[in-house]
Amino acid sequence: GGLGTWAGVRPALVAGACLLVVPCVVLA
């Protein structure tokens, strides 16, 4: 919510999508 307020909704969603990839990279 803080990121969405500070940077906007679209960048917050992009950041969240990028963070979802992190566990896959760690496991790979």
PDB file of all heavy atoms in Angstrom:
ATOM      1  N   GLY A   1       0.822  -1.216   0.000  1.00  0.00           N
ATOM      2  CA  GLY A   1       0.000   0.000   0.000  1.00  0.00           C
ATOM      3  C   GLY A   1       0.849   1.256   0.000  1.00  0.00           C
ATOM      4  O   GLY A   1       0.549   2.230  -0.698  1.00  0.00           O
ATOM      5  N   GLY A   2       1.922   1.231   0.783  1.00  0.00           N
ATOM      6  CA  GLY A   2       2.833   2.382   0.797  1.00  0.00           C
ATOM      7  C   GLY A   2       3.513   2.586  -0.545  1.00  0.00           C
ATOM      8  O   GLY A   2       3.636   3.714  -1.025  1.00  0.00           O
ATOM      9  N   LEU A   3       3.952   1.489  -1.162  1.00  0.00           N
ATOM     10  CA  LEU A   3       4.583   1.584  -2.478  1.00  0.00           C
ATOM     11  C   LEU A   3       3.589   2.064  -3.525  1.00  0.00           C
ATOM     12  O   LEU A   3       3.922   2.887  -4.382  1.00  0.00           O
ATOM     13  CB  LEU A   3       5.176   0.230  -2.888  1.00  0.00           C
ATOM     14  CG  LEU A   3       5.901   0.198  -4.226  1.00  0.00           C
ATOM     15  CD1 LEU A   3       7.112   1.112  -4.202  1.00  0.00           C
ATOM     16  CD2 LEU A   3       6.312  -1.219  -4.566  1.00  0.00           C
ATOM     17  N   GLY A   4       2.355   1.574  -3.443  1.00  0.00           N
ATOM     18  CA  GLY A   4       1.324   2.014  -4.382  1.00  0.00           C
ATOM     19  C   GLY A   4       0.996   3.480  -4.225  1.00  0.00           C
ATOM     20  O   GLY A   4       0.743   4.180  -5.210  1.00  0.00           O
ATOM     21  N   THR A   5       1.004   3.965  -3.005  1.00  0.00           N
ATOM     22  CA  THR A   5       0.734   5.385  -2.761  1.00  0.00           C
ATOM     23  C   THR A   5       1.899   6.239  -3.223  1.00  0.00           C
ATOM     24  O   THR A   5       1.711   7.294  -3.823  1.00  0.00           O
ATOM     25  CB  THR A   5       0.471   5.622  -1.264  1.00  0.00           C
ATOM     26  OG1 THR A   5      -0.645   4.819  -0.872  1.00  0.00           O
ATOM     27  CG2 THR A   5       0.178   7.075  -0.975  1.00  0.00           C
ATOM     28  N   TRP A   6       3.115   5.784  -2.947  1.00  0.00           N
ATOM     29  CA  TRP A   6       4.305   6.572  -3.254  1.00  0.00           C
ATOM     30  C   TRP A   6       4.639   6.557  -4.742  1.00  0.00           C
ATOM     31  O   TRP A   6       4.923   7.597  -5.330  1.00  0.00           O
ATOM     32  CB  TRP A   6       5.486   6.037  -2.434  1.00  0.00           C
ATOM     33  CG  TRP A   6       6.774   6.726  -2.715  1.00  0.00           C
ATOM     34  CD1 TRP A   6       7.117   7.996  -2.347  1.00  0.00           C
ATOM     35  CD2 TRP A   6       7.879   6.196  -3.429  1.00  0.00           C
ATOM     36  NE1 TRP A   6       8.379   8.278  -2.792  1.00  0.00           N
ATOM     37  CE2 TRP A   6       8.874   7.191  -3.462  1.00  0.00           C
ATOM     38  CE3 TRP A   6       8.125   4.979  -4.045  1.00  0.00           C
ATOM     39  CZ2 TRP A   6      10.084   6.988  -4.088  1.00  0.00           C
ATOM     40  CZ3 TRP A   6       9.339   4.786  -4.660  1.00  0.00           C
ATOM     41  CH2 TRP A   6      10.306   5.788  -4.678  1.00  0.00           C
ATOM     42  N   ALA A   7       4.629   5.387  -5.368  1.00  0.00           N
ATOM     43  CA  ALA A   7       5.081   5.263  -6.756  1.00  0.00           C
ATOM     44  C   ALA A   7       3.931   5.141  -7.752  1.00  0.00           C
ATOM     45  O   ALA A   7       4.136   5.338  -8.936  1.00  0.00           O
ATOM     46  CB  ALA A   7       5.999   4.042  -6.899  1.00  0.00           C
ATOM     47  N   GLY A   8       2.766   4.761  -7.303  1.00  0.00           N
ATOM     48  CA  GLY A   8       1.642   4.554  -8.214  1.00  0.00           C
ATOM     49  C   GLY A   8       1.290   3.076  -8.293  1.00  0.00           C
ATOM     50  O   GLY A   8       2.066   2.206  -7.902  1.00  0.00           O
ATOM     51  N   VAL A   9       0.111   2.804  -8.816  1.00  0.00           N
ATOM     52  CA  VAL A   9      -0.393   1.435  -8.851  1.00  0.00           C
ATOM     53  C   VAL A   9       0.385   0.569  -9.833  1.00  0.00           C
ATOM     54  O   VAL A   9       0.795  -0.549  -9.507  1.00  0.00           O
ATOM     55  CB  VAL A   9      -1.904   1.426  -9.198  1.00  0.00           C
ATOM     56  CG1 VAL A   9      -2.408   0.006  -9.356  1.00  0.00           C
ATOM     57  CG2 VAL A   9      -2.691   2.146  -8.123  1.00  0.00           C
ATOM     58  N   ARG A  10       0.619   1.071 -11.034  1.00  0.00           N
ATOM     59  CA  ARG A  10       1.281   0.272 -12.059  1.00  0.00           C
ATOM     60  C   ARG A  10       2.702  -0.127 -11.635  1.00  0.00           C
ATOM     61  O   ARG A  10       3.064  -1.300 -11.731  1.00  0.00           O
ATOM     62  CB  ARG A  10       1.276   1.009 -13.382  1.00  0.00           C
ATOM     63  CG  ARG A  10       1.397   0.104 -14.569  1.00  0.00           C
ATOM     64  CD  ARG A  10       1.220   0.878 -15.863  1.00  0.00           C
ATOM     65  NE  ARG A  10      -0.134   1.358 -16.064  1.00  0.00           N
ATOM     66  CZ  ARG A  10      -1.016   0.761 -16.845  1.00  0.00           C
ATOM     67  NH1 ARG A  10      -0.694  -0.328 -17.486  1.00  0.00           N
ATOM     68  NH2 ARG A  10      -2.223   1.253 -16.986  1.00  0.00           N
ATOM     69  N   PRO A  11       3.542   0.802 -11.159  1.00  0.00           N
ATOM     70  CA  PRO A  11       4.887   0.390 -10.708  1.00  0.00           C
ATOM     71  C   PRO A  11       4.840  -0.570  -9.518  1.00  0.00           C
ATOM     72  O   PRO A  11       5.684  -1.463  -9.404  1.00  0.00           O
ATOM     73  CB  PRO A  11       5.561   1.700 -10.316  1.00  0.00           C
ATOM     74  CG  PRO A  11       4.841   2.750 -11.072  1.00  0.00           C
ATOM     75  CD  PRO A  11       3.430   2.260 -11.194  1.00  0.00           C
ATOM     76  N   ALA A  12       3.851  -0.419  -8.644  1.00  0.00           N
ATOM     77  CA  ALA A  12       3.726  -1.333  -7.509  1.00  0.00           C
ATOM     78  C   ALA A  12       3.386  -2.739  -7.988  1.00  0.00           C
ATOM     79  O   ALA A  12       3.916  -3.730  -7.464  1.00  0.00           O
ATOM     80  CB  ALA A  12       2.662  -0.824  -6.533  1.00  0.00           C
ATOM     81  N   LEU A  13       2.515  -2.849  -8.999  1.00  0.00           N
ATOM     82  CA  LEU A  13       2.181  -4.164  -9.551  1.00  0.00           C
ATOM     83  C   LEU A  13       3.375  -4.787 -10.266  1.00  0.00           C
ATOM     84  O   LEU A  13       3.597  -5.998 -10.180  1.00  0.00           O
ATOM     85  CB  LEU A  13       0.991  -4.051 -10.495  1.00  0.00           C
ATOM     86  CG  LEU A  13      -0.364  -3.801  -9.826  1.00  0.00           C
ATOM     87  CD1 LEU A  13      -1.432  -3.545 -10.874  1.00  0.00           C
ATOM     88  CD2 LEU A  13      -0.739  -4.962  -8.949  1.00  0.00           C
ATOM     89  N   VAL A  14       4.160  -3.983 -10.967  1.00  0.00           N
ATOM     90  CA  VAL A  14       5.357  -4.492 -11.636  1.00  0.00           C
ATOM     91  C   VAL A  14       6.359  -4.981 -10.601  1.00  0.00           C
ATOM     92  O   VAL A  14       6.960  -6.051 -10.754  1.00  0.00           O
ATOM     93  CB  VAL A  14       5.968  -3.415 -12.558  1.00  0.00           C
ATOM     94  CG1 VAL A  14       7.337  -3.832 -13.057  1.00  0.00           C
ATOM     95  CG2 VAL A  14       5.042  -3.126 -13.716  1.00  0.00           C
ATOM     96  N   ALA A  15       6.547  -4.222  -9.526  1.00  0.00           N
ATOM     97  CA  ALA A  15       7.464  -4.629  -8.463  1.00  0.00           C
ATOM     98  C   ALA A  15       6.986  -5.929  -7.816  1.00  0.00           C
ATOM     99  O   ALA A  15       7.795  -6.835  -7.546  1.00  0.00           O
ATOM    100  CB  ALA A  15       7.573  -3.528  -7.408  1.00  0.00           C
ATOM    101  N   GLY A  16       5.695  -6.062  -7.586  1.00  0.00           N
ATOM    102  CA  GLY A  16       5.156  -7.294  -7.006  1.00  0.00           C
ATOM    103  C   GLY A  16       5.351  -8.485  -7.926  1.00  0.00           C
ATOM    104  O   GLY A  16       5.697  -9.584  -7.478  1.00  0.00           O
ATOM    105  N   ALA A  17       5.152  -8.289  -9.224  1.00  0.00           N
ATOM    106  CA  ALA A  17       5.354  -9.381 -10.179  1.00  0.00           C
ATOM    107  C   ALA A  17       6.818  -9.795 -10.226  1.00  0.00           C
ATOM    108  O   ALA A  17       7.132 -10.985 -10.313  1.00  0.00           O
ATOM    109  CB  ALA A  17       4.875  -8.954 -11.560  1.00  0.00           C
ATOM    110  N   CYS A  18       7.719  -8.821 -10.171  1.00  0.00           N
ATOM    111  CA  CYS A  18       9.154  -9.141 -10.162  1.00  0.00           C
ATOM    112  C   CYS A  18       9.535  -9.900  -8.898  1.00  0.00           C
ATOM    113  O   CYS A  18      10.373 -10.804  -8.937  1.00  0.00           O
ATOM    114  CB  CYS A  18       9.975  -7.866 -10.294  1.00  0.00           C
ATOM    115  SG  CYS A  18       9.849  -7.096 -11.917  1.00  0.00           S
ATOM    116  N   LEU A  19       8.946  -9.534  -7.772  1.00  0.00           N
ATOM    117  CA  LEU A  19       9.248 -10.228  -6.519  1.00  0.00           C
ATOM    118  C   LEU A  19       8.723 -11.656  -6.509  1.00  0.00           C
ATOM    119  O   LEU A  19       9.268 -12.513  -5.811  1.00  0.00           O
ATOM    120  CB  LEU A  19       8.680  -9.451  -5.329  1.00  0.00           C
ATOM    121  CG  LEU A  19       9.444  -8.178  -4.967  1.00  0.00           C
ATOM    122  CD1 LEU A  19       8.700  -7.419  -3.876  1.00  0.00           C
ATOM    123  CD2 LEU A  19      10.850  -8.503  -4.517  1.00  0.00           C
ATOM    124  N   LEU A  20       7.683 -11.942  -7.286  1.00  0.00           N
ATOM    125  CA  LEU A  20       7.173 -13.309  -7.370  1.00  0.00           C
ATOM    126  C   LEU A  20       8.130 -14.235  -8.112  1.00  0.00           C
ATOM    127  O   LEU A  20       8.061 -15.454  -7.973  1.00  0.00           O
ATOM    128  CB  LEU A  20       5.800 -13.326  -8.053  1.00  0.00           C
ATOM    129  CG  LEU A  20       4.648 -12.793  -7.217  1.00  0.00           C
ATOM    130  CD1 LEU A  20       3.379 -12.722  -8.059  1.00  0.00           C
ATOM    131  CD2 LEU A  20       4.412 -13.661  -5.999  1.00  0.00           C
ATOM    132  N   VAL A  21       9.017 -13.668  -8.912  1.00  0.00           N
ATOM    133  CA  VAL A  21       9.984 -14.461  -9.668  1.00  0.00           C
ATOM    134  C   VAL A  21      11.173 -14.869  -8.798  1.00  0.00           C
ATOM    135  O   VAL A  21      11.825 -15.874  -9.075  1.00  0.00           O
ATOM    136  CB  VAL A  21      10.437 -13.672 -10.917  1.00  0.00           C
ATOM    137  CG1 VAL A  21      11.532 -14.388 -11.675  1.00  0.00           C
ATOM    138  CG2 VAL A  21       9.253 -13.407 -11.815  1.00  0.00           C
ATOM    139  N   VAL A  22      11.438 -14.122  -7.739  1.00  0.00           N
ATOM    140  CA  VAL A  22      12.619 -14.357  -6.893  1.00  0.00           C
ATOM    141  C   VAL A  22      12.673 -15.789  -6.349  1.00  0.00           C
ATOM    142  O   VAL A  22      13.717 -16.438  -6.452  1.00  0.00           O
ATOM    143  CB  VAL A  22      12.699 -13.307  -5.768  1.00  0.00           C
ATOM    144  CG1 VAL A  22      13.772 -13.654  -4.761  1.00  0.00           C
ATOM    145  CG2 VAL A  22      12.961 -11.934  -6.357  1.00  0.00           C
ATOM    146  N   PRO A  23      11.611 -16.353  -5.766  1.00  0.00           N
ATOM    147  CA  PRO A  23      11.717 -17.732  -5.266  1.00  0.00           C
ATOM    148  C   PRO A  23      12.027 -18.739  -6.372  1.00  0.00           C
ATOM    149  O   PRO A  23      12.757 -19.707  -6.129  1.00  0.00           O
ATOM    150  CB  PRO A  23      10.338 -18.015  -4.656  1.00  0.00           C
ATOM    151  CG  PRO A  23       9.750 -16.697  -4.384  1.00  0.00           C
ATOM    152  CD  PRO A  23      10.319 -15.763  -5.398  1.00  0.00           C
ATOM    153  N   CYS A  24      11.499 -18.519  -7.569  1.00  0.00           N
ATOM    154  CA  CYS A  24      11.797 -19.433  -8.684  1.00  0.00           C
ATOM    155  C   CYS A  24      13.271 -19.387  -9.038  1.00  0.00           C
ATOM    156  O   CYS A  24      13.892 -20.423  -9.301  1.00  0.00           O
ATOM    157  CB  CYS A  24      10.947 -19.071  -9.894  1.00  0.00           C
ATOM    158  SG  CYS A  24       9.187 -19.273  -9.607  1.00  0.00           S
ATOM    159  N   VAL A  25      13.853 -18.194  -9.043  1.00  0.00           N
ATOM    160  CA  VAL A  25      15.278 -18.056  -9.353  1.00  0.00           C
ATOM    161  C   VAL A  25      16.126 -18.703  -8.267  1.00  0.00           C
ATOM    162  O   VAL A  25      17.101 -19.401  -8.555  1.00  0.00           O
ATOM    163  CB  VAL A  25      15.643 -16.567  -9.538  1.00  0.00           C
ATOM    164  CG1 VAL A  25      17.147 -16.364  -9.667  1.00  0.00           C
ATOM    165  CG2 VAL A  25      14.923 -15.984 -10.735  1.00  0.00           C
ATOM    166  N   VAL A  26      15.748 -18.500  -7.013  1.00  0.00           N
ATOM    167  CA  VAL A  26      16.499 -19.096  -5.896  1.00  0.00           C
ATOM    168  C   VAL A  26      16.460 -20.616  -5.995  1.00  0.00           C
ATOM    169  O   VAL A  26      17.489 -21.289  -5.839  1.00  0.00           O
ATOM    170  CB  VAL A  26      15.935 -18.611  -4.547  1.00  0.00           C
ATOM    171  CG1 VAL A  26      16.507 -19.403  -3.393  1.00  0.00           C
ATOM    172  CG2 VAL A  26      16.216 -17.132  -4.358  1.00  0.00           C
ATOM    173  N   LEU A  27      15.299 -21.196  -6.262  1.00  0.00           N
ATOM    174  CA  LEU A  27      15.196 -22.649  -6.393  1.00  0.00           C
ATOM    175  C   LEU A  27      15.946 -23.169  -7.614  1.00  0.00           C
ATOM    176  O   LEU A  27      16.549 -24.240  -7.568  1.00  0.00           O
ATOM    177  CB  LEU A  27      13.729 -23.075  -6.461  1.00  0.00           C
ATOM    178  CG  LEU A  27      12.987 -23.050  -5.137  1.00  0.00           C
ATOM    179  CD1 LEU A  27      11.511 -23.346  -5.370  1.00  0.00           C
ATOM    180  CD2 LEU A  27      13.579 -24.022  -4.155  1.00  0.00           C
ATOM    181  N   ALA A  28      15.921 -22.425  -8.705  1.00  0.00           N
ATOM    182  CA  ALA A  28      16.607 -22.863  -9.912  1.00  0.00           C
ATOM    183  C   ALA A  28      18.123 -22.866  -9.725  1.00  0.00           C
ATOM    184  O   ALA A  28      18.823 -23.680 -10.315  1.00  0.00           O
ATOM    185  CB  ALA A  28      16.228 -21.967 -11.090  1.00  0.00           C
TER     186      ALA A  28
END
